[in-house]
């Protein structure tokens, strides 16, 4: 009987953790945390690429100004 209670408690905790990991979005849809993390990683990579492109353009512009 004691084991059964522990199993039921463990199942309840597991279900709560699963529910917590599926947070609601503003639209009411559910997005798993893993997908949200992947989206943020892609966002960071995009921002990094934009920043690197901007630095490259500014560097080229500066080099052209020094050549004149």
C-alpha atoms as a PDB file:
ATOM      1  CA  UNK A   1       0.000   0.000   0.000  1.00  0.00           C
ATOM      2  CA  UNK A   2       2.849   2.341   0.860  1.00  0.00           C
ATOM      3  CA  UNK A   3       4.509   1.676  -2.506  1.00  0.00           C
ATOM      4  CA  UNK A   4       1.261   2.418  -4.305  1.00  0.00           C
ATOM      5  CA  UNK A   5       1.020   5.813  -2.590  1.00  0.00           C
ATOM      6  CA  UNK A   6       4.601   6.631  -3.580  1.00  0.00           C
ATOM      7  CA  UNK A   7       3.914   5.615  -7.175  1.00  0.00           C
ATOM      8  CA  UNK A   8       0.770   7.759  -7.308  1.00  0.00           C
ATOM      9  CA  UNK A   9       2.654  10.708  -5.804  1.00  0.00           C
ATOM     10  CA  UNK A  10       5.469  10.289  -8.319  1.00  0.00           C
ATOM     11  CA  UNK A  11       2.961  10.164 -11.181  1.00  0.00           C
ATOM     12  CA  UNK A  12       1.269  13.318  -9.915  1.00  0.00           C
ATOM     13  CA  UNK A  13       4.591  15.155  -9.654  1.00  0.00           C
ATOM     14  CA  UNK A  14       5.557  13.982 -13.151  1.00  0.00           C
ATOM     15  CA  UNK A  15       2.255  15.261 -14.543  1.00  0.00           C
ATOM     16  CA  UNK A  16       2.700  18.635 -12.823  1.00  0.00           C
ATOM     17  CA  UNK A  17       6.194  19.008 -14.273  1.00  0.00           C
ATOM     18  CA  UNK A  18       4.916  18.106 -17.730  1.00  0.00           C
ATOM     19  CA  UNK A  19       2.118  20.663 -17.425  1.00  0.00           C
ATOM     20  CA  UNK A  20       4.574  23.312 -16.231  1.00  0.00           C
ATOM     21  CA  UNK A  21       6.920  22.677 -19.169  1.00  0.00           C
ATOM     22  CA  UNK A  22       4.077  23.432 -21.631  1.00  0.00           C
ATOM     23  CA  UNK A  23       3.519  27.098 -20.907  1.00  0.00           C
ATOM     24  CA  UNK A  24       0.746  29.016 -22.649  1.00  0.00           C
ATOM     25  CA  UNK A  25       1.502  31.649 -25.253  1.00  0.00           C
ATOM     26  CA  UNK A  26      -0.357  34.944 -25.575  1.00  0.00           C
ATOM     27  CA  UNK A  27      -2.555  33.397 -28.267  1.00  0.00           C
ATOM     28  CA  UNK A  28      -3.554  30.598 -25.936  1.00  0.00           C
ATOM     29  CA  UNK A  29      -1.548  27.968 -27.801  1.00  0.00           C
ATOM     30  CA  UNK A  30       0.908  25.708 -26.025  1.00  0.00           C
ATOM     31  CA  UNK A  31       4.616  25.817 -26.808  1.00  0.00           C
ATOM     32  CA  UNK A  32       6.916  23.255 -25.242  1.00  0.00           C
ATOM     33  CA  UNK A  33       9.895  24.747 -23.465  1.00  0.00           C
ATOM     34  CA  UNK A  34      12.291  22.869 -25.743  1.00  0.00           C
ATOM     35  CA  UNK A  35      10.795  24.580 -28.811  1.00  0.00           C
ATOM     36  CA  UNK A  36      10.980  27.945 -27.084  1.00  0.00           C
ATOM     37  CA  UNK A  37      14.650  27.379 -26.297  1.00  0.00           C
ATOM     38  CA  UNK A  38      15.312  26.462 -29.919  1.00  0.00           C
ATOM     39  CA  UNK A  39      13.523  29.612 -31.077  1.00  0.00           C
ATOM     40  CA  UNK A  40      15.638  31.749 -28.773  1.00  0.00           C
ATOM     41  CA  UNK A  41      18.834  30.076 -30.005  1.00  0.00           C
ATOM     42  CA  UNK A  42      17.851  30.833 -33.611  1.00  0.00           C
ATOM     43  CA  UNK A  43      17.018  34.412 -32.655  1.00  0.00           C
ATOM     44  CA  UNK A  44      20.434  34.845 -31.034  1.00  0.00           C
ATOM     45  CA  UNK A  45      22.183  33.424 -34.105  1.00  0.00           C
ATOM     46  CA  UNK A  46      20.221  35.778 -36.389  1.00  0.00           C
ATOM     47  CA  UNK A  47      21.091  38.771 -34.232  1.00  0.00           C
ATOM     48  CA  UNK A  48      24.753  37.747 -34.213  1.00  0.00           C
ATOM     49  CA  UNK A  49      24.761  37.459 -38.027  1.00  0.00           C
ATOM     50  CA  UNK A  50      23.108  40.885 -38.391  1.00  0.00           C
ATOM     51  CA  UNK A  51      25.651  42.437 -36.048  1.00  0.00           C
ATOM     52  CA  UNK A  52      28.584  40.853 -37.877  1.00  0.00           C
ATOM     53  CA  UNK A  53      27.228  42.084 -41.229  1.00  0.00           C
ATOM     54  CA  UNK A  54      26.828  45.602 -39.839  1.00  0.00           C
ATOM     55  CA  UNK A  55      30.380  45.603 -38.482  1.00  0.00           C
ATOM     56  CA  UNK A  56      31.694  44.368 -41.824  1.00  0.00           C
ATOM     57  CA  UNK A  57      29.835  47.116 -43.737  1.00  0.00           C
ATOM     58  CA  UNK A  58      31.078  49.810 -41.361  1.00  0.00           C
ATOM     59  CA  UNK A  59      34.623  48.488 -41.577  1.00  0.00           C
ATOM     60  CA  UNK A  60      34.518  48.522 -45.388  1.00  0.00           C
ATOM     61  CA  UNK A  61      33.109  52.045 -45.336  1.00  0.00           C
ATOM     62  CA  UNK A  62      35.857  53.183 -43.009  1.00  0.00           C
ATOM     63  CA  UNK A  63      38.534  51.568 -45.205  1.00  0.00           C
ATOM     64  CA  UNK A  64      37.152  53.355 -48.279  1.00  0.00           C
ATOM     65  CA  UNK A  65      37.260  56.687 -46.446  1.00  0.00           C
ATOM     66  CA  UNK A  66      40.908  56.152 -45.505  1.00  0.00           C
ATOM     67  CA  UNK A  67      41.814  55.286 -49.104  1.00  0.00           C
ATOM     68  CA  UNK A  68      40.577  58.679 -50.364  1.00  0.00           C
END
